[in-house]
Amino acid sequence: MSIRSTVLAKIATVARDQRKTIGPVTDETRLLESGLDSLCIAIIVAELEDELGIDPLSSGMETEFPATVADLIELYENAPA
């Protein structure tokens, strides 16, 4: 499964598990306006780290928190292995 597919699947799974109603998720979907709260986003990041073995937010690189789904996907796609 690609990183893109993994991230999108994780967003859907966490939203369902946390009983959050979110609309269609596109590249332009803003994370903080998606219906996900900060706990959901933290769960997504933690589970992606476990699944992908990548934690781009603490990789030592100076990184801004992703604003959109596309930003989140790009963060993982460009993270050092």
Protein backbone atom coordinates (compact mmCIF):
# COMPACT_ATOMS: atom_id res chain seq x y z
CA MET A 1 0.00 0.00 0.00
CA SER A 2 1.34 3.46 -0.84
CA ILE A 3 1.94 6.11 1.81
CA ARG A 4 -0.95 8.10 0.34
CA SER A 5 -3.33 5.16 0.66
CA THR A 6 -2.10 4.39 4.15
CA VAL A 7 -2.60 7.97 5.36
CA LEU A 8 -6.09 8.20 3.85
CA ALA A 9 -7.09 4.83 5.30
CA LYS A 10 -5.78 5.85 8.72
CA ILE A 11 -7.78 9.08 8.67
CA ALA A 12 -10.95 7.14 7.89
CA THR A 13 -10.26 4.47 10.52
CA VAL A 14 -9.49 6.94 13.30
CA ALA A 15 -12.54 9.06 12.45
CA ARG A 16 -14.73 5.96 12.61
CA ASP A 17 -13.12 4.64 15.82
CA GLN A 18 -13.44 8.03 17.53
CA ARG A 19 -17.01 8.45 16.25
CA LYS A 20 -16.24 11.63 14.34
CA THR A 21 -18.31 12.63 11.36
CA ILE A 22 -16.10 13.89 8.57
CA GLY A 23 -16.99 14.78 5.03
CA PRO A 24 -15.21 13.58 1.94
CA VAL A 25 -11.45 13.77 2.43
CA THR A 26 -9.55 15.40 -0.42
CA ASP A 27 -6.06 16.82 -0.74
CA GLU A 28 -7.49 20.26 0.07
CA THR A 29 -9.24 19.14 3.27
CA ARG A 30 -7.91 21.23 6.13
CA LEU A 31 -7.05 18.92 9.03
CA LEU A 32 -8.29 21.21 11.79
CA GLU A 33 -11.54 21.90 9.93
CA SER A 34 -12.20 18.30 8.88
CA GLY A 35 -14.20 17.21 11.90
CA LEU A 36 -11.16 15.59 13.48
CA ASP A 37 -10.01 17.00 16.80
CA SER A 38 -6.45 17.27 18.07
CA LEU A 39 -6.69 13.87 19.79
CA CYS A 40 -7.68 12.24 16.50
CA ILE A 41 -4.75 13.87 14.71
CA ALA A 42 -2.38 12.72 17.47
CA ILE A 43 -3.72 9.16 17.14
CA ILE A 44 -3.28 9.29 13.36
CA VAL A 45 0.34 10.43 13.70
CA ALA A 46 1.12 7.80 16.37
CA GLU A 47 -0.46 4.98 14.38
CA LEU A 48 1.26 6.07 11.16
CA GLU A 49 4.58 5.99 13.00
CA ASP A 50 3.86 2.42 14.12
CA GLU A 51 2.67 1.31 10.70
CA LEU A 52 5.18 3.13 8.49
CA GLY A 53 8.12 3.33 10.87
CA ILE A 54 8.37 7.06 10.13
CA ASP A 55 7.93 10.00 12.50
CA PRO A 56 8.52 13.09 10.37
CA LEU A 57 7.40 15.46 13.12
CA SER A 58 10.32 14.51 15.36
CA SER A 59 12.89 13.62 12.72
CA GLY A 60 15.07 16.59 13.62
CA MET A 61 14.05 18.42 10.46
CA GLU A 62 12.39 21.78 10.94
CA THR A 63 8.83 21.09 9.93
CA GLU A 64 5.59 23.04 10.09
CA PHE A 65 2.52 21.15 11.20
CA PRO A 66 0.61 20.08 8.09
CA ALA A 67 -2.45 22.19 7.34
CA THR A 68 -4.12 19.98 4.73
CA VAL A 69 -4.37 16.30 3.96
CA ALA A 70 -2.00 16.84 1.02
CA ASP A 71 0.52 18.43 3.40
CA LEU A 72 0.27 15.44 5.75
CA ILE A 73 0.78 12.97 2.90
CA GLU A 74 3.72 14.96 1.55
CA LEU A 75 5.28 15.09 5.01
CA TYR A 76 5.34 11.29 5.16
CA GLU A 77 6.37 10.84 1.53
CA ASN A 78 9.36 13.17 1.97
CA ALA A 79 10.43 12.03 5.44
CA PRO A 80 13.84 10.45 5.81
CA ALA A 81 13.58 6.71 6.28
